[in-house]
Amino acid sequence: MTGNSIALTGTARVRVLHRSDAGPLAEAYLRNREHLAPWEPLRSEDFFTAEAQAASIESKLGLFIAGSDVPWVLVDGSRIIGVLNLSGIVRGPFLSAHLGYWVDKDMTGRGIGSAALEFAVDAARSELGLHRLQAATLPHNAASQRILKRAGFEEIGLAAQYLRIAGSWQDHILFQRILC
């Protein structure tokens, strides 16, 4: 999980987030603002700036160093085309983490999301020694549910008012994948 990039599919690659990604990440979020709005928390105007992304990256890298998160970016050349992360990593008898991801609106339907999830599953199992990954989707996010199911995740339930998304507390379907 070093800074080296790993091929996913076509020209898409995955690598750990870098401090130098602030500008390209802000551009990716701005380019995908409408595409992501139904699936993410409300974002302030400041969120879409390189300065805000630099602060966010510092926080994420601190959690990475602490061993509780792994922040990756999906790239095509120098352009960020998505995000992939493991968060809330718990050790001890649980050995679990939450999985989150998104793919650029112009890159959907190319297998990038599926390849990214397979990469995350492999890294969680082989590099982090995790037993389980969990992911959550809004009930109407059929595309994300298909990707999770293709990656071997199984639906395990419904969490009422699970996350505040697009300005309101929304139910989420929970998925898990047992890794070993």
N, C-alpha and C. Protein backbone atom coordinates (compact mmCIF):
# COMPACT_ATOMS: atom_id res chain seq x y z
N MET A 1 0.82 -1.19 0.00
CA MET A 1 0.00 0.00 0.00
C MET A 1 0.86 1.25 0.00
N THR A 2 1.94 1.17 -0.68
CA THR A 2 2.82 2.33 -0.80
C THR A 2 2.25 3.29 -1.84
N GLY A 3 3.03 4.26 -2.24
CA GLY A 3 2.59 5.23 -3.22
C GLY A 3 2.58 4.72 -4.64
N ASN A 4 3.05 3.49 -4.87
CA ASN A 4 3.07 2.95 -6.22
C ASN A 4 1.66 2.68 -6.70
N SER A 5 1.41 2.90 -7.99
CA SER A 5 0.07 2.65 -8.51
C SER A 5 -0.01 1.23 -9.06
N ILE A 6 -1.21 0.68 -8.99
CA ILE A 6 -1.49 -0.68 -9.44
C ILE A 6 -2.56 -0.59 -10.53
N ALA A 7 -2.37 -1.30 -11.64
CA ALA A 7 -3.34 -1.29 -12.73
C ALA A 7 -4.65 -1.92 -12.28
N LEU A 8 -5.76 -1.31 -12.71
CA LEU A 8 -7.09 -1.85 -12.45
C LEU A 8 -7.68 -2.44 -13.72
N THR A 9 -7.98 -1.56 -14.68
CA THR A 9 -8.56 -1.97 -15.94
C THR A 9 -8.31 -0.87 -16.96
N GLY A 10 -8.03 -1.24 -18.20
CA GLY A 10 -7.72 -0.22 -19.21
C GLY A 10 -6.54 0.61 -18.73
N THR A 11 -6.70 1.92 -18.72
CA THR A 11 -5.63 2.81 -18.25
C THR A 11 -5.84 3.25 -16.80
N ALA A 12 -6.90 2.78 -16.17
CA ALA A 12 -7.19 3.15 -14.78
C ALA A 12 -6.25 2.43 -13.82
N ARG A 13 -5.80 3.20 -12.82
CA ARG A 13 -4.89 2.67 -11.80
C ARG A 13 -5.40 3.09 -10.43
N VAL A 14 -4.89 2.46 -9.40
CA VAL A 14 -5.21 2.82 -8.02
C VAL A 14 -3.91 3.04 -7.27
N ARG A 15 -3.91 4.03 -6.38
CA ARG A 15 -2.74 4.28 -5.54
C ARG A 15 -3.19 5.00 -4.29
N VAL A 16 -2.32 5.00 -3.30
CA VAL A 16 -2.60 5.72 -2.06
C VAL A 16 -2.64 7.22 -2.35
N LEU A 17 -3.54 7.90 -1.69
CA LEU A 17 -3.68 9.35 -1.78
C LEU A 17 -2.37 10.04 -1.41
N HIS A 18 -2.00 11.08 -2.15
CA HIS A 18 -0.79 11.88 -1.90
C HIS A 18 -1.18 13.30 -1.50
N ARG A 19 -0.30 13.96 -0.78
CA ARG A 19 -0.52 15.38 -0.45
C ARG A 19 -0.68 16.21 -1.73
N SER A 20 0.02 15.85 -2.76
CA SER A 20 -0.03 16.60 -4.02
C SER A 20 -1.35 16.42 -4.78
N ASP A 21 -2.26 15.61 -4.26
CA ASP A 21 -3.53 15.36 -4.93
C ASP A 21 -4.60 16.42 -4.65
N ALA A 22 -4.30 17.41 -3.83
CA ALA A 22 -5.34 18.38 -3.44
C ALA A 22 -6.00 19.04 -4.64
N GLY A 23 -5.22 19.58 -5.56
CA GLY A 23 -5.80 20.24 -6.73
C GLY A 23 -6.57 19.28 -7.62
N PRO A 24 -5.95 18.16 -8.03
CA PRO A 24 -6.68 17.21 -8.87
C PRO A 24 -7.92 16.61 -8.20
N LEU A 25 -7.87 16.44 -6.87
CA LEU A 25 -9.04 15.90 -6.16
C LEU A 25 -10.16 16.94 -6.14
N ALA A 26 -9.82 18.20 -5.91
CA ALA A 26 -10.82 19.26 -5.95
C ALA A 26 -11.46 19.32 -7.34
N GLU A 27 -10.64 19.20 -8.39
CA GLU A 27 -11.17 19.19 -9.76
C GLU A 27 -12.11 18.01 -9.98
N ALA A 28 -11.74 16.84 -9.46
CA ALA A 28 -12.58 15.65 -9.63
C ALA A 28 -13.92 15.82 -8.92
N TYR A 29 -13.88 16.34 -7.70
CA TYR A 29 -15.13 16.56 -6.97
C TYR A 29 -15.99 17.61 -7.67
N LEU A 30 -15.37 18.66 -8.17
CA LEU A 30 -16.13 19.70 -8.86
C LEU A 30 -16.75 19.15 -10.15
N ARG A 31 -15.97 18.40 -10.90
CA ARG A 31 -16.44 17.80 -12.15
C ARG A 31 -17.61 16.83 -11.90
N ASN A 32 -17.61 16.18 -10.75
CA ASN A 32 -18.61 15.17 -10.41
C ASN A 32 -19.63 15.65 -9.38
N ARG A 33 -19.68 16.95 -9.17
CA ARG A 33 -20.55 17.51 -8.13
C ARG A 33 -21.99 17.04 -8.25
N GLU A 34 -22.59 17.20 -9.39
CA GLU A 34 -23.99 16.79 -9.59
C GLU A 34 -24.13 15.28 -9.55
N HIS A 35 -23.18 14.59 -10.11
CA HIS A 35 -23.19 13.12 -10.16
C HIS A 35 -23.18 12.52 -8.75
N LEU A 36 -22.41 13.12 -7.84
CA LEU A 36 -22.26 12.58 -6.49
C LEU A 36 -23.28 13.12 -5.50
N ALA A 37 -23.91 14.25 -5.81
CA ALA A 37 -24.81 14.91 -4.86
C ALA A 37 -25.88 14.00 -4.25
N PRO A 38 -26.52 13.11 -5.00
CA PRO A 38 -27.56 12.27 -4.39
C PRO A 38 -27.01 11.21 -3.42
N TRP A 39 -25.71 10.95 -3.46
CA TRP A 39 -25.12 9.84 -2.71
C TRP A 39 -24.23 10.28 -1.56
N GLU A 40 -24.00 11.58 -1.41
CA GLU A 40 -23.04 12.08 -0.42
C GLU A 40 -23.69 13.13 0.48
N PRO A 41 -23.01 13.46 1.59
CA PRO A 41 -23.50 14.56 2.44
C PRO A 41 -23.52 15.87 1.65
N LEU A 42 -24.29 16.83 2.13
CA LEU A 42 -24.26 18.15 1.51
C LEU A 42 -22.85 18.70 1.66
N ARG A 43 -22.37 19.35 0.64
CA ARG A 43 -21.01 19.90 0.63
C ARG A 43 -21.06 21.42 0.55
N SER A 44 -20.23 22.09 1.35
CA SER A 44 -20.11 23.55 1.28
C SER A 44 -19.32 23.90 0.02
N GLU A 45 -19.41 25.14 -0.40
CA GLU A 45 -18.65 25.60 -1.57
C GLU A 45 -17.15 25.39 -1.33
N ASP A 46 -16.72 25.59 -0.10
CA ASP A 46 -15.31 25.45 0.25
C ASP A 46 -14.79 24.03 -0.02
N PHE A 47 -15.64 23.03 0.13
CA PHE A 47 -15.23 21.63 -0.07
C PHE A 47 -14.59 21.43 -1.44
N PHE A 48 -15.03 22.15 -2.43
CA PHE A 48 -14.59 21.96 -3.80
C PHE A 48 -13.32 22.73 -4.16
N THR A 49 -12.61 23.22 -3.15
CA THR A 49 -11.36 23.96 -3.37
C THR A 49 -10.15 23.09 -3.04
N ALA A 50 -9.04 23.43 -3.65
CA ALA A 50 -7.79 22.71 -3.37
C ALA A 50 -7.39 22.86 -1.91
N GLU A 51 -7.66 24.03 -1.32
CA GLU A 51 -7.30 24.26 0.08
C GLU A 51 -8.06 23.32 1.01
N ALA A 52 -9.36 23.17 0.79
CA ALA A 52 -10.16 22.27 1.62
C ALA A 52 -9.74 20.82 1.40
N GLN A 53 -9.44 20.48 0.16
CA GLN A 53 -9.00 19.11 -0.10
C GLN A 53 -7.63 18.84 0.52
N ALA A 54 -6.76 19.84 0.55
CA ALA A 54 -5.45 19.68 1.21
C ALA A 54 -5.64 19.37 2.69
N ALA A 55 -6.55 20.08 3.35
CA ALA A 55 -6.83 19.83 4.77
C ALA A 55 -7.42 18.44 4.96
N SER A 56 -8.31 18.05 4.08
CA SER A 56 -8.91 16.72 4.16
C SER A 56 -7.86 15.63 3.95
N ILE A 57 -6.97 15.85 3.01
CA ILE A 57 -5.90 14.88 2.74
C ILE A 57 -5.01 14.74 3.96
N GLU A 58 -4.66 15.84 4.61
CA GLU A 58 -3.83 15.76 5.82
C GLU A 58 -4.51 14.90 6.87
N SER A 59 -5.80 15.10 7.05
CA SER A 59 -6.56 14.31 8.03
C SER A 59 -6.56 12.83 7.65
N LYS A 60 -6.83 12.56 6.38
CA LYS A 60 -6.88 11.17 5.91
C LYS A 60 -5.52 10.49 6.03
N LEU A 61 -4.45 11.22 5.72
CA LEU A 61 -3.12 10.62 5.84
C LEU A 61 -2.75 10.38 7.30
N GLY A 62 -3.23 11.23 8.20
CA GLY A 62 -3.02 11.00 9.63
C GLY A 62 -3.70 9.71 10.07
N LEU A 63 -4.92 9.48 9.60
CA LEU A 63 -5.64 8.24 9.93
C LEU A 63 -4.96 7.02 9.29
N PHE A 64 -4.40 7.23 8.09
CA PHE A 64 -3.66 6.17 7.41
C PHE A 64 -2.44 5.77 8.24
N ILE A 65 -1.68 6.76 8.69
CA ILE A 65 -0.50 6.50 9.51
C ILE A 65 -0.89 5.80 10.82
N ALA A 66 -2.04 6.19 11.37
CA ALA A 66 -2.53 5.58 12.62
C ALA A 66 -3.06 4.16 12.41
N GLY A 67 -3.27 3.79 11.15
CA GLY A 67 -3.74 2.44 10.85
C GLY A 67 -5.24 2.25 10.88
N SER A 68 -6.00 3.35 10.92
CA SER A 68 -7.45 3.21 10.98
C SER A 68 -8.16 3.42 9.64
N ASP A 69 -7.45 3.96 8.65
CA ASP A 69 -8.03 4.20 7.33
C ASP A 69 -6.98 3.93 6.26
N VAL A 70 -7.46 3.59 5.05
CA VAL A 70 -6.59 3.51 3.89
C VAL A 70 -7.26 4.30 2.77
N PRO A 71 -6.71 5.49 2.44
CA PRO A 71 -7.30 6.32 1.38
C PRO A 71 -6.58 6.11 0.04
N TRP A 72 -7.32 5.63 -0.93
CA TRP A 72 -6.78 5.47 -2.28
C TRP A 72 -7.48 6.43 -3.22
N VAL A 73 -6.83 6.73 -4.34
CA VAL A 73 -7.48 7.43 -5.44
C VAL A 73 -7.38 6.55 -6.67
N LEU A 74 -8.38 6.68 -7.52
CA LEU A 74 -8.38 6.02 -8.82
C LEU A 74 -7.91 7.07 -9.81
N VAL A 75 -6.95 6.72 -10.64
CA VAL A 75 -6.36 7.69 -11.55
C VAL A 75 -6.32 7.14 -12.98
N ASP A 76 -6.36 8.06 -13.90
CA ASP A 76 -6.16 7.76 -15.32
C ASP A 76 -5.17 8.82 -15.79
N GLY A 77 -3.91 8.43 -15.90
CA GLY A 77 -2.85 9.41 -16.13
C GLY A 77 -2.70 10.25 -14.88
N SER A 78 -2.77 11.56 -15.03
CA SER A 78 -2.67 12.45 -13.86
C SER A 78 -4.04 12.88 -13.35
N ARG A 79 -5.09 12.40 -14.00
CA ARG A 79 -6.47 12.80 -13.65
C ARG A 79 -7.05 11.83 -12.62
N ILE A 80 -7.58 12.36 -11.52
CA ILE A 80 -8.27 11.53 -10.53
C ILE A 80 -9.65 11.24 -11.06
N ILE A 81 -10.00 9.95 -11.09
CA ILE A 81 -11.28 9.51 -11.64
C ILE A 81 -12.12 8.78 -10.59
N GLY A 82 -11.72 8.88 -9.35
CA GLY A 82 -12.52 8.26 -8.30
C GLY A 82 -11.75 8.14 -7.01
N VAL A 83 -12.46 7.65 -6.03
CA VAL A 83 -11.93 7.47 -4.68
C VAL A 83 -12.31 6.08 -4.21
N LEU A 84 -11.42 5.48 -3.44
CA LEU A 84 -11.65 4.17 -2.84
C LEU A 84 -11.05 4.25 -1.45
N ASN A 85 -11.80 3.83 -0.44
CA ASN A 85 -11.22 3.88 0.90
C ASN A 85 -11.74 2.79 1.81
N LEU A 86 -10.88 2.43 2.73
CA LEU A 86 -11.25 1.59 3.86
C LEU A 86 -11.19 2.51 5.07
N SER A 87 -12.25 2.57 5.84
CA SER A 87 -12.27 3.44 7.01
C SER A 87 -12.75 2.67 8.22
N GLY A 88 -12.49 3.25 9.37
CA GLY A 88 -12.94 2.63 10.62
C GLY A 88 -12.36 1.24 10.82
N ILE A 89 -11.11 1.04 10.43
CA ILE A 89 -10.49 -0.28 10.59
C ILE A 89 -10.41 -0.61 12.08
N VAL A 90 -10.94 -1.77 12.43
CA VAL A 90 -10.94 -2.24 13.81
C VAL A 90 -10.13 -3.53 13.87
N ARG A 91 -9.21 -3.58 14.79
CA ARG A 91 -8.37 -4.77 15.00
C ARG A 91 -8.99 -5.62 16.10
N GLY A 92 -8.21 -6.50 16.68
CA GLY A 92 -8.71 -7.37 17.74
C GLY A 92 -9.61 -8.45 17.17
N PRO A 93 -10.62 -8.86 17.90
CA PRO A 93 -11.45 -9.96 17.42
C PRO A 93 -12.36 -9.59 16.25
N PHE A 94 -12.53 -8.29 15.96
CA PHE A 94 -13.44 -7.87 14.90
C PHE A 94 -12.77 -7.91 13.53
N LEU A 95 -11.58 -7.36 13.38
CA LEU A 95 -10.82 -7.33 12.12
C LEU A 95 -11.70 -6.94 10.94
N SER A 96 -12.25 -5.74 11.01
CA SER A 96 -13.23 -5.30 10.03
C SER A 96 -12.97 -3.85 9.62
N ALA A 97 -13.56 -3.45 8.50
CA ALA A 97 -13.47 -2.07 8.03
C ALA A 97 -14.69 -1.76 7.17
N HIS A 98 -14.94 -0.47 6.99
CA HIS A 98 -15.98 0.00 6.08
C HIS A 98 -15.34 0.32 4.74
N LEU A 99 -16.03 0.01 3.67
CA LEU A 99 -15.56 0.27 2.31
C LEU A 99 -16.41 1.36 1.69
N GLY A 100 -15.76 2.34 1.07
CA GLY A 100 -16.46 3.38 0.34
C GLY A 100 -15.75 3.65 -0.97
N TYR A 101 -16.50 4.12 -1.96
CA TYR A 101 -15.90 4.38 -3.27
C TYR A 101 -16.84 5.22 -4.12
N TRP A 102 -16.28 5.86 -5.12
CA TRP A 102 -17.05 6.46 -6.20
C TRP A 102 -16.17 6.50 -7.45
N VAL A 103 -16.83 6.52 -8.60
CA VAL A 103 -16.14 6.56 -9.89
C VAL A 103 -16.68 7.75 -10.69
N ASP A 104 -15.79 8.44 -11.36
CA ASP A 104 -16.11 9.60 -12.19
C ASP A 104 -17.29 9.30 -13.13
N LYS A 105 -18.16 10.28 -13.28
CA LYS A 105 -19.36 10.14 -14.12
C LYS A 105 -19.02 9.74 -15.56
N ASP A 106 -17.85 10.16 -16.04
CA ASP A 106 -17.46 9.85 -17.41
C ASP A 106 -16.78 8.49 -17.54
N MET A 107 -16.57 7.82 -16.42
CA MET A 107 -15.85 6.54 -16.44
C MET A 107 -16.70 5.37 -15.98
N THR A 108 -17.97 5.60 -15.67
CA THR A 108 -18.82 4.52 -15.21
C THR A 108 -19.09 3.53 -16.35
N GLY A 109 -19.42 2.32 -15.99
CA GLY A 109 -19.73 1.30 -16.97
C GLY A 109 -18.52 0.67 -17.65
N ARG A 110 -17.33 0.93 -17.14
CA ARG A 110 -16.11 0.39 -17.75
C ARG A 110 -15.42 -0.66 -16.88
N GLY A 111 -16.08 -1.06 -15.81
CA GLY A 111 -15.50 -2.07 -14.93
C GLY A 111 -14.53 -1.53 -13.90
N ILE A 112 -14.38 -0.22 -13.82
CA ILE A 112 -13.42 0.38 -12.89
C ILE A 112 -13.87 0.17 -11.45
N GLY A 113 -15.15 0.39 -11.18
CA GLY A 113 -15.65 0.17 -9.82
C GLY A 113 -15.47 -1.26 -9.37
N SER A 114 -15.80 -2.20 -10.23
CA SER A 114 -15.65 -3.62 -9.88
C SER A 114 -14.19 -3.97 -9.65
N ALA A 115 -13.31 -3.49 -10.51
CA ALA A 115 -11.88 -3.76 -10.34
C ALA A 115 -11.35 -3.12 -9.06
N ALA A 116 -11.81 -1.91 -8.75
CA ALA A 116 -11.38 -1.23 -7.53
C ALA A 116 -11.82 -2.00 -6.29
N LEU A 117 -13.04 -2.52 -6.29
CA LEU A 117 -13.51 -3.29 -5.14
C LEU A 117 -12.72 -4.58 -4.98
N GLU A 118 -12.42 -5.25 -6.08
CA GLU A 118 -11.60 -6.46 -5.98
C GLU A 118 -10.21 -6.14 -5.44
N PHE A 119 -9.64 -5.01 -5.87
CA PHE A 119 -8.36 -4.58 -5.34
C PHE A 119 -8.45 -4.36 -3.83
N ALA A 120 -9.50 -3.64 -3.38
CA ALA A 120 -9.67 -3.35 -1.95
C ALA A 120 -9.86 -4.62 -1.15
N VAL A 121 -10.64 -5.56 -1.67
CA VAL A 121 -10.85 -6.83 -0.99
C VAL A 121 -9.53 -7.58 -0.83
N ASP A 122 -8.75 -7.64 -1.90
CA ASP A 122 -7.46 -8.32 -1.84
C ASP A 122 -6.51 -7.65 -0.85
N ALA A 123 -6.45 -6.31 -0.88
CA ALA A 123 -5.57 -5.59 0.04
C ALA A 123 -6.03 -5.78 1.48
N ALA A 124 -7.34 -5.75 1.72
CA ALA A 124 -7.87 -5.93 3.07
C ALA A 124 -7.51 -7.31 3.62
N ARG A 125 -7.59 -8.31 2.74
CA ARG A 125 -7.29 -9.68 3.16
C ARG A 125 -5.79 -9.90 3.29
N SER A 126 -5.04 -9.63 2.23
CA SER A 126 -3.63 -10.04 2.20
C SER A 126 -2.69 -9.07 2.89
N GLU A 127 -2.95 -7.77 2.81
CA GLU A 127 -2.04 -6.80 3.41
C GLU A 127 -2.45 -6.37 4.81
N LEU A 128 -3.76 -6.28 5.05
CA LEU A 128 -4.23 -5.82 6.35
C LEU A 128 -4.68 -6.95 7.27
N GLY A 129 -4.86 -8.13 6.72
CA GLY A 129 -5.27 -9.27 7.53
C GLY A 129 -6.68 -9.14 8.10
N LEU A 130 -7.56 -8.44 7.38
CA LEU A 130 -8.92 -8.26 7.87
C LEU A 130 -9.78 -9.48 7.59
N HIS A 131 -10.80 -9.65 8.39
CA HIS A 131 -11.74 -10.76 8.27
C HIS A 131 -12.99 -10.37 7.49
N ARG A 132 -13.36 -9.07 7.56
CA ARG A 132 -14.65 -8.66 7.03
C ARG A 132 -14.60 -7.22 6.53
N LEU A 133 -15.34 -6.97 5.43
CA LEU A 133 -15.57 -5.61 4.95
C LEU A 133 -17.07 -5.36 4.93
N GLN A 134 -17.44 -4.15 5.26
CA GLN A 134 -18.85 -3.75 5.22
C GLN A 134 -18.98 -2.54 4.31
N ALA A 135 -20.09 -2.47 3.59
CA ALA A 135 -20.41 -1.32 2.75
C ALA A 135 -21.89 -1.03 2.90
N ALA A 136 -22.27 0.20 2.62
CA ALA A 136 -23.67 0.60 2.72
C ALA A 136 -24.05 1.40 1.48
N THR A 137 -25.26 1.17 0.97
CA THR A 137 -25.76 1.94 -0.16
C THR A 137 -27.17 2.40 0.13
N LEU A 138 -27.53 3.50 -0.50
CA LEU A 138 -28.93 3.92 -0.44
C LEU A 138 -29.76 2.86 -1.16
N PRO A 139 -30.99 2.63 -0.71
CA PRO A 139 -31.82 1.60 -1.35
C PRO A 139 -32.01 1.79 -2.85
N HIS A 140 -32.01 3.03 -3.34
CA HIS A 140 -32.22 3.28 -4.77
C HIS A 140 -30.92 3.35 -5.58
N ASN A 141 -29.78 3.02 -4.96
CA ASN A 141 -28.50 3.03 -5.67
C ASN A 141 -28.22 1.63 -6.25
N ALA A 142 -28.99 1.28 -7.25
CA ALA A 142 -28.90 -0.06 -7.84
C ALA A 142 -27.54 -0.33 -8.46
N ALA A 143 -26.91 0.67 -9.06
CA ALA A 143 -25.61 0.47 -9.70
C ALA A 143 -24.56 0.05 -8.67
N SER A 144 -24.52 0.72 -7.54
CA SER A 144 -23.56 0.38 -6.49
C SER A 144 -23.85 -1.01 -5.92
N GLN A 145 -25.10 -1.33 -5.77
CA GLN A 145 -25.47 -2.66 -5.27
C GLN A 145 -25.02 -3.76 -6.22
N ARG A 146 -25.14 -3.52 -7.53
CA ARG A 146 -24.68 -4.51 -8.51
C ARG A 146 -23.17 -4.71 -8.40
N ILE A 147 -22.42 -3.61 -8.25
CA ILE A 147 -20.96 -3.71 -8.13
C ILE A 147 -20.59 -4.49 -6.87
N LEU A 148 -21.25 -4.19 -5.76
CA LEU A 148 -20.96 -4.91 -4.51
C LEU A 148 -21.25 -6.40 -4.66
N LYS A 149 -22.37 -6.73 -5.25
CA LYS A 149 -22.73 -8.15 -5.42
C LYS A 149 -21.74 -8.86 -6.34
N ARG A 150 -21.31 -8.18 -7.42
CA ARG A 150 -20.30 -8.77 -8.31
C ARG A 150 -18.99 -9.03 -7.57
N ALA A 151 -18.70 -8.19 -6.58
CA ALA A 151 -17.46 -8.33 -5.81
C ALA A 151 -17.63 -9.31 -4.64
N GLY A 152 -18.75 -10.02 -4.60
CA GLY A 152 -18.93 -11.06 -3.59
C GLY A 152 -19.51 -10.59 -2.27
N PHE A 153 -20.03 -9.35 -2.23
CA PHE A 153 -20.67 -8.86 -1.01
C PHE A 153 -22.09 -9.40 -0.96
N GLU A 154 -22.56 -9.66 0.26
CA GLU A 154 -23.93 -10.12 0.44
C GLU A 154 -24.70 -9.10 1.26
N GLU A 155 -25.97 -8.95 0.93
CA GLU A 155 -26.83 -8.04 1.67
C GLU A 155 -27.11 -8.63 3.05
N ILE A 156 -26.96 -7.79 4.09
CA ILE A 156 -27.17 -8.31 5.45
C ILE A 156 -28.25 -7.57 6.21
N GLY A 157 -28.82 -6.52 5.64
CA GLY A 157 -29.90 -5.85 6.33
C GLY A 157 -30.09 -4.41 5.91
N LEU A 158 -31.05 -3.79 6.59
CA LEU A 158 -31.37 -2.40 6.35
C LEU A 158 -31.12 -1.61 7.63
N ALA A 159 -30.38 -0.54 7.51
CA ALA A 159 -30.11 0.34 8.65
C ALA A 159 -30.95 1.61 8.47
N ALA A 160 -31.92 1.79 9.34
CA ALA A 160 -32.81 2.94 9.26
C ALA A 160 -32.05 4.22 9.60
N GLN A 161 -32.31 5.27 8.81
CA GLN A 161 -31.72 6.59 9.02
C GLN A 161 -30.23 6.49 9.35
N TYR A 162 -29.51 5.75 8.55
CA TYR A 162 -28.11 5.38 8.81
C TYR A 162 -27.13 6.54 8.64
N LEU A 163 -27.27 7.30 7.55
CA LEU A 163 -26.36 8.41 7.27
C LEU A 163 -27.15 9.62 6.79
N ARG A 164 -26.58 10.79 7.05
CA ARG A 164 -27.19 12.03 6.56
C ARG A 164 -26.63 12.30 5.16
N ILE A 165 -27.43 12.00 4.17
CA ILE A 165 -27.04 12.08 2.77
C ILE A 165 -27.97 13.06 2.06
N ALA A 166 -27.39 13.93 1.23
CA ALA A 166 -28.16 14.90 0.45
C ALA A 166 -29.11 15.71 1.35
N GLY A 167 -28.69 15.95 2.59
CA GLY A 167 -29.45 16.81 3.49
C GLY A 167 -30.45 16.14 4.39
N SER A 168 -30.62 14.82 4.28
CA SER A 168 -31.58 14.15 5.18
C SER A 168 -31.06 12.78 5.61
N TRP A 169 -31.52 12.35 6.78
CA TRP A 169 -31.15 11.03 7.29
C TRP A 169 -31.82 9.99 6.41
N GLN A 170 -31.01 9.09 5.85
CA GLN A 170 -31.56 8.13 4.90
C GLN A 170 -31.20 6.70 5.28
N ASP A 171 -32.15 5.81 5.00
CA ASP A 171 -31.92 4.39 5.20
C ASP A 171 -30.83 3.91 4.25
N HIS A 172 -30.12 2.87 4.66
CA HIS A 172 -29.09 2.26 3.81
C HIS A 172 -29.21 0.74 3.88
N ILE A 173 -28.94 0.11 2.77
CA ILE A 173 -28.81 -1.34 2.73
C ILE A 173 -27.37 -1.67 3.08
N LEU A 174 -27.18 -2.57 4.03
CA LEU A 174 -25.85 -2.97 4.46
C LEU A 174 -25.41 -4.24 3.74
N PHE A 175 -24.15 -4.26 3.35
CA PHE A 175 -23.54 -5.40 2.69
C PHE A 175 -22.28 -5.78 3.45
N GLN A 176 -21.90 -7.03 3.36
CA GLN A 176 -20.64 -7.47 3.93
C GLN A 176 -19.98 -8.50 3.01
N ARG A 177 -18.68 -8.61 3.18
CA ARG A 177 -17.94 -9.69 2.52
C ARG A 177 -16.99 -10.25 3.58
N ILE A 178 -17.14 -11.54 3.82
CA ILE A 178 -16.23 -12.23 4.72
C ILE A 178 -15.01 -12.62 3.90
N LEU A 179 -13.82 -12.27 4.38
CA LEU A 179 -12.61 -12.41 3.59
C LEU A 179 -11.84 -13.70 3.86
N CYS A 180 -12.03 -14.30 5.01
CA CYS A 180 -11.31 -15.54 5.30
C CYS A 180 -12.14 -16.43 6.19
